[in-house]
Amino acid sequence: MKRFECGSLVPGCNWHTRDENEAEIVRRTAEHLRSAHGETEIRPDMVERIKQRITKVSNAA
């Protein structure tokens, strides 16, 4: 299982998501950035920053 915490990219944001599939995490995060943080365009460098912040977690976490 993999996890992304928005606060690692946008300080103070408590939103997070997890999935086995990294692409799904990136998709959900991009949608969150659009709806919650007003991002109108998710550029390739932003996708890379999201990927760098995805962590592995145990299924029990």
PDB file of N, CA and C in Angstrom:
ATOM      1  N   MET A   1       0.844  -1.178   0.000  1.00  0.00           N
ATOM      2  CA  MET A   1       0.000   0.000   0.000  1.00  0.00           C
ATOM      3  C   MET A   1       0.887   1.238   0.000  1.00  0.00           C
ATOM      4  N   LYS A   2       0.462   2.248  -0.735  1.00  0.00           N
ATOM      5  CA  LYS A   2       1.206   3.508  -0.819  1.00  0.00           C
ATOM      6  C   LYS A   2       0.311   4.635  -0.326  1.00  0.00           C
ATOM      7  N   ARG A   3       0.934   5.704   0.151  1.00  0.00           N
ATOM      8  CA  ARG A   3       0.188   6.810   0.739  1.00  0.00           C
ATOM      9  C   ARG A   3       0.807   8.139   0.344  1.00  0.00           C
ATOM     10  N   PHE A   4      -0.052   9.133   0.162  1.00  0.00           N
ATOM     11  CA  PHE A   4       0.391  10.495  -0.073  1.00  0.00           C
ATOM     12  C   PHE A   4      -0.321  11.398   0.919  1.00  0.00           C
ATOM     13  N   GLU A   5       0.448  12.258   1.581  1.00  0.00           N
ATOM     14  CA  GLU A   5      -0.105  13.241   2.505  1.00  0.00           C
ATOM     15  C   GLU A   5       0.098  14.625   1.901  1.00  0.00           C
ATOM     16  N   CYS A   6      -1.003  15.330   1.672  1.00  0.00           N
ATOM     17  CA  CYS A   6      -0.924  16.634   1.025  1.00  0.00           C
ATOM     18  C   CYS A   6      -0.076  17.614   1.830  1.00  0.00           C
ATOM     19  N   GLY A   7      -0.087  17.491   3.141  1.00  0.00           N
ATOM     20  CA  GLY A   7       0.696  18.385   3.991  1.00  0.00           C
ATOM     21  C   GLY A   7       2.188  18.347   3.689  1.00  0.00           C
ATOM     22  N   SER A   8       2.657  17.278   3.048  1.00  0.00           N
ATOM     23  CA  SER A   8       4.071  17.214   2.667  1.00  0.00           C
ATOM     24  C   SER A   8       4.358  18.132   1.483  1.00  0.00           C
ATOM     25  N   LEU A   9       3.303  18.558   0.796  1.00  0.00           N
ATOM     26  CA  LEU A   9       3.428  19.448  -0.357  1.00  0.00           C
ATOM     27  C   LEU A   9       2.842  20.828  -0.055  1.00  0.00           C
ATOM     28  N   VAL A  10       1.713  20.835   0.652  1.00  0.00           N
ATOM     29  CA  VAL A  10       1.020  22.069   1.025  1.00  0.00           C
ATOM     30  C   VAL A  10       0.940  22.098   2.543  1.00  0.00           C
ATOM     31  N   PRO A  11       1.858  22.792   3.199  1.00  0.00           N
ATOM     32  CA  PRO A  11       1.889  22.802   4.662  1.00  0.00           C
ATOM     33  C   PRO A  11       0.527  23.180   5.257  1.00  0.00           C
ATOM     34  N   GLY A  12       0.134  22.404   6.272  1.00  0.00           N
ATOM     35  CA  GLY A  12      -1.113  22.669   6.964  1.00  0.00           C
ATOM     36  C   GLY A  12      -2.305  21.895   6.439  1.00  0.00           C
ATOM     37  N   CYS A  13      -2.179  21.251   5.284  1.00  0.00           N
ATOM     38  CA  CYS A  13      -3.288  20.480   4.730  1.00  0.00           C
ATOM     39  C   CYS A  13      -3.254  19.067   5.322  1.00  0.00           C
ATOM     40  N   ASN A  14      -4.391  18.606   5.822  1.00  0.00           N
ATOM     41  CA  ASN A  14      -4.473  17.285   6.452  1.00  0.00           C
ATOM     42  C   ASN A  14      -4.976  16.193   5.515  1.00  0.00           C
ATOM     43  N   TRP A  15      -5.277  16.520   4.264  1.00  0.00           N
ATOM     44  CA  TRP A  15      -5.813  15.537   3.326  1.00  0.00           C
ATOM     45  C   TRP A  15      -4.758  14.489   2.997  1.00  0.00           C
ATOM     46  N   HIS A  16      -5.211  13.254   2.834  1.00  0.00           N
ATOM     47  CA  HIS A  16      -4.307  12.185   2.404  1.00  0.00           C
ATOM     48  C   HIS A  16      -5.099  11.148   1.607  1.00  0.00           C
ATOM     49  N   THR A  17      -4.378  10.327   0.867  1.00  0.00           N
ATOM     50  CA  THR A  17      -4.989   9.236   0.126  1.00  0.00           C
ATOM     51  C   THR A  17      -4.017   8.071   0.102  1.00  0.00           C
ATOM     52  N   ARG A  18      -4.568   6.884  -0.119  1.00  0.00           N
ATOM     53  CA  ARG A  18      -3.707   5.718  -0.263  1.00  0.00           C
ATOM     54  C   ARG A  18      -4.306   4.742  -1.251  1.00  0.00           C
ATOM     55  N   ASP A  19      -3.429   4.009  -1.894  1.00  0.00           N
ATOM     56  CA  ASP A  19      -3.838   3.036  -2.905  1.00  0.00           C
ATOM     57  C   ASP A  19      -2.614   2.179  -3.227  1.00  0.00           C
ATOM     58  N   GLU A  20      -2.841   1.044  -3.843  1.00  0.00           N
ATOM     59  CA  GLU A  20      -1.726   0.220  -4.311  1.00  0.00           C
ATOM     60  C   GLU A  20      -1.082   0.833  -5.550  1.00  0.00           C
ATOM     61  N   ASN A  21      -1.872   1.563  -6.316  1.00  0.00           N
ATOM     62  CA  ASN A  21      -1.456   2.078  -7.609  1.00  0.00           C
ATOM     63  C   ASN A  21      -1.001   3.537  -7.499  1.00  0.00           C
ATOM     64  N   GLU A  22       0.250   3.787  -7.809  1.00  0.00           N
ATOM     65  CA  GLU A  22       0.801   5.144  -7.740  1.00  0.00           C
ATOM     66  C   GLU A  22       0.077   6.109  -8.675  1.00  0.00           C
ATOM     67  N   ALA A  23      -0.301   5.641  -9.847  1.00  0.00           N
ATOM     68  CA  ALA A  23      -1.010   6.510 -10.803  1.00  0.00           C
ATOM     69  C   ALA A  23      -2.347   6.969 -10.232  1.00  0.00           C
ATOM     70  N   GLU A  24      -3.031   6.091  -9.506  1.00  0.00           N
ATOM     71  CA  GLU A  24      -4.309   6.464  -8.889  1.00  0.00           C
ATOM     72  C   GLU A  24      -4.090   7.503  -7.796  1.00  0.00           C
ATOM     73  N   ILE A  25      -3.030   7.369  -7.043  1.00  0.00           N
ATOM     74  CA  ILE A  25      -2.706   8.367  -6.012  1.00  0.00           C
ATOM     75  C   ILE A  25      -2.443   9.716  -6.666  1.00  0.00           C
ATOM     76  N   VAL A  26      -1.687   9.727  -7.750  1.00  0.00           N
ATOM     77  CA  VAL A  26      -1.397  10.983  -8.453  1.00  0.00           C
ATOM     78  C   VAL A  26      -2.692  11.589  -8.988  1.00  0.00           C
ATOM     79  N   ARG A  27      -3.579  10.764  -9.550  1.00  0.00           N
ATOM     80  CA  ARG A  27      -4.844  11.260 -10.085  1.00  0.00           C
ATOM     81  C   ARG A  27      -5.686  11.896  -8.982  1.00  0.00           C
ATOM     82  N   ARG A  28      -5.833  11.194  -7.863  1.00  0.00           N
ATOM     83  CA  ARG A  28      -6.619  11.721  -6.746  1.00  0.00           C
ATOM     84  C   ARG A  28      -6.010  13.005  -6.201  1.00  0.00           C
ATOM     85  N   THR A  29      -4.698  13.019  -6.108  1.00  0.00           N
ATOM     86  CA  THR A  29      -4.016  14.197  -5.572  1.00  0.00           C
ATOM     87  C   THR A  29      -4.192  15.390  -6.497  1.00  0.00           C
ATOM     88  N   ALA A  30      -4.085  15.173  -7.787  1.00  0.00           N
ATOM     89  CA  ALA A  30      -4.291  16.261  -8.746  1.00  0.00           C
ATOM     90  C   ALA A  30      -5.696  16.827  -8.604  1.00  0.00           C
ATOM     91  N   GLU A  31      -6.683  15.961  -8.468  1.00  0.00           N
ATOM     92  CA  GLU A  31      -8.063  16.418  -8.285  1.00  0.00           C
ATOM     93  C   GLU A  31      -8.204  17.204  -6.978  1.00  0.00           C
ATOM     94  N   HIS A  32      -7.571  16.721  -5.929  1.00  0.00           N
ATOM     95  CA  HIS A  32      -7.596  17.435  -4.648  1.00  0.00           C
ATOM     96  C   HIS A  32      -6.950  18.817  -4.771  1.00  0.00           C
ATOM     97  N   LEU A  33      -5.815  18.887  -5.436  1.00  0.00           N
ATOM     98  CA  LEU A  33      -5.128  20.170  -5.603  1.00  0.00           C
ATOM     99  C   LEU A  33      -5.992  21.162  -6.376  1.00  0.00           C
ATOM    100  N   ARG A  34      -6.740  20.666  -7.350  1.00  0.00           N
ATOM    101  CA  ARG A  34      -7.645  21.536  -8.113  1.00  0.00           C
ATOM    102  C   ARG A  34      -8.795  22.033  -7.238  1.00  0.00           C
ATOM    103  N   SER A  35      -9.446  21.107  -6.539  1.00  0.00           N
ATOM    104  CA  SER A  35     -10.656  21.470  -5.803  1.00  0.00           C
ATOM    105  C   SER A  35     -10.364  22.183  -4.488  1.00  0.00           C
ATOM    106  N   ALA A  36      -9.356  21.762  -3.761  1.00  0.00           N
ATOM    107  CA  ALA A  36      -9.102  22.327  -2.427  1.00  0.00           C
ATOM    108  C   ALA A  36      -8.126  23.497  -2.434  1.00  0.00           C
ATOM    109  N   HIS A  37      -7.198  23.501  -3.388  1.00  0.00           N
ATOM    110  CA  HIS A  37      -6.141  24.510  -3.365  1.00  0.00           C
ATOM    111  C   HIS A  37      -6.160  25.434  -4.579  1.00  0.00           C
ATOM    112  N   GLY A  38      -7.152  25.275  -5.445  1.00  0.00           N
ATOM    113  CA  GLY A  38      -7.326  26.199  -6.571  1.00  0.00           C
ATOM    114  C   GLY A  38      -6.314  26.069  -7.690  1.00  0.00           C
ATOM    115  N   GLU A  39      -5.592  24.956  -7.729  1.00  0.00           N
ATOM    116  CA  GLU A  39      -4.636  24.755  -8.824  1.00  0.00           C
ATOM    117  C   GLU A  39      -5.416  24.561 -10.119  1.00  0.00           C
ATOM    118  N   THR A  40      -5.075  25.294 -11.137  1.00  0.00           N
ATOM    119  CA  THR A  40      -5.780  25.168 -12.412  1.00  0.00           C
ATOM    120  C   THR A  40      -5.044  24.261 -13.386  1.00  0.00           C
ATOM    121  N   GLU A  41      -3.745  24.106 -13.187  1.00  0.00           N
ATOM    122  CA  GLU A  41      -2.939  23.265 -14.074  1.00  0.00           C
ATOM    123  C   GLU A  41      -1.955  22.469 -13.232  1.00  0.00           C
ATOM    124  N   ILE A  42      -1.946  21.162 -13.440  1.00  0.00           N
ATOM    125  CA  ILE A  42      -0.998  20.290 -12.743  1.00  0.00           C
ATOM    126  C   ILE A  42       0.115  19.968 -13.738  1.00  0.00           C
ATOM    127  N   ARG A  43       1.231  20.644 -13.586  1.00  0.00           N
ATOM    128  CA  ARG A  43       2.352  20.502 -14.526  1.00  0.00           C
ATOM    129  C   ARG A  43       3.176  19.255 -14.209  1.00  0.00           C
ATOM    130  N   PRO A  44       3.971  18.817 -15.174  1.00  0.00           N
ATOM    131  CA  PRO A  44       4.811  17.630 -14.954  1.00  0.00           C
ATOM    132  C   PRO A  44       5.716  17.747 -13.726  1.00  0.00           C
ATOM    133  N   ASP A  45       6.236  18.931 -13.431  1.00  0.00           N
ATOM    134  CA  ASP A  45       7.092  19.058 -12.246  1.00  0.00           C
ATOM    135  C   ASP A  45       6.283  18.858 -10.967  1.00  0.00           C
ATOM    136  N   MET A  46       5.009  19.242 -10.970  1.00  0.00           N
ATOM    137  CA  MET A  46       4.159  19.003  -9.807  1.00  0.00           C
ATOM    138  C   MET A  46       3.887  17.508  -9.646  1.00  0.00           C
ATOM    139  N   VAL A  47       3.656  16.816 -10.751  1.00  0.00           N
ATOM    140  CA  VAL A  47       3.464  15.366 -10.710  1.00  0.00           C
ATOM    141  C   VAL A  47       4.700  14.702 -10.120  1.00  0.00           C
ATOM    142  N   GLU A  48       5.877  15.145 -10.509  1.00  0.00           N
ATOM    143  CA  GLU A  48       7.116  14.581  -9.964  1.00  0.00           C
ATOM    144  C   GLU A  48       7.237  14.839  -8.467  1.00  0.00           C
ATOM    145  N   ARG A  49       6.853  16.038  -8.025  1.00  0.00           N
ATOM    146  CA  ARG A  49       6.901  16.339  -6.584  1.00  0.00           C
ATOM    147  C   ARG A  49       5.917  15.470  -5.807  1.00  0.00           C
ATOM    148  N   ILE A  50       4.762  15.201  -6.395  1.00  0.00           N
ATOM    149  CA  ILE A  50       3.795  14.299  -5.760  1.00  0.00           C
ATOM    150  C   ILE A  50       4.413  12.909  -5.641  1.00  0.00           C
ATOM    151  N   LYS A  51       4.961  12.404  -6.741  1.00  0.00           N
ATOM    152  CA  LYS A  51       5.559  11.057  -6.744  1.00  0.00           C
ATOM    153  C   LYS A  51       6.681  10.930  -5.713  1.00  0.00           C
ATOM    154  N   GLN A  52       7.494  11.978  -5.567  1.00  0.00           N
ATOM    155  CA  GLN A  52       8.593  11.952  -4.612  1.00  0.00           C
ATOM    156  C   GLN A  52       8.101  11.840  -3.170  1.00  0.00           C
ATOM    157  N   ARG A  53       6.874  12.262  -2.927  1.00  0.00           N
ATOM    158  CA  ARG A  53       6.328  12.286  -1.572  1.00  0.00           C
ATOM    159  C   ARG A  53       5.413  11.094  -1.260  1.00  0.00           C
ATOM    160  N   ILE A  54       5.251  10.190  -2.214  1.00  0.00           N
ATOM    161  CA  ILE A  54       4.471   8.978  -1.965  1.00  0.00           C
ATOM    162  C   ILE A  54       5.327   8.013  -1.149  1.00  0.00           C
ATOM    163  N   THR A  55       4.754   7.522  -0.075  1.00  0.00           N
ATOM    164  CA  THR A  55       5.476   6.603   0.802  1.00  0.00           C
ATOM    165  C   THR A  55       4.782   5.258   0.839  1.00  0.00           C
ATOM    166  N   LYS A  56       5.535   4.238   1.155  1.00  0.00           N
ATOM    167  CA  LYS A  56       4.967   2.904   1.346  1.00  0.00           C
ATOM    168  C   LYS A  56       4.501   2.790   2.791  1.00  0.00           C
ATOM    169  N   VAL A  57       3.347   2.163   2.984  1.00  0.00           N
ATOM    170  CA  VAL A  57       2.838   1.911   4.325  1.00  0.00           C
ATOM    171  C   VAL A  57       2.395   0.459   4.415  1.00  0.00           C
ATOM    172  N   SER A  58       2.384  -0.055   5.616  1.00  0.00           N
ATOM    173  CA  SER A  58       1.901  -1.409   5.793  1.00  0.00           C
ATOM    174  C   SER A  58       0.388  -1.411   5.679  1.00  0.00           C
ATOM    175  N   ASN A  59      -0.185  -2.548   5.344  1.00  0.00           N
ATOM    176  CA  ASN A  59      -1.640  -2.645   5.199  1.00  0.00           C
ATOM    177  C   ASN A  59      -2.358  -2.404   6.514  1.00  0.00           C
ATOM    178  N   ALA A  60      -1.679  -2.567   7.615  1.00  0.00           N
ATOM    179  CA  ALA A  60      -2.294  -2.391   8.922  1.00  0.00           C
ATOM    180  C   ALA A  60      -2.360  -0.917   9.302  1.00  0.00           C
ATOM    181  N   ALA A  61      -1.584  -0.055   8.635  1.00  0.00           N
ATOM    182  CA  ALA A  61      -1.536   1.368   9.009  1.00  0.00           C
ATOM    183  C   ALA A  61      -2.747   2.125   8.538  1.00  0.00           C
TER     184      ALA A  61
END
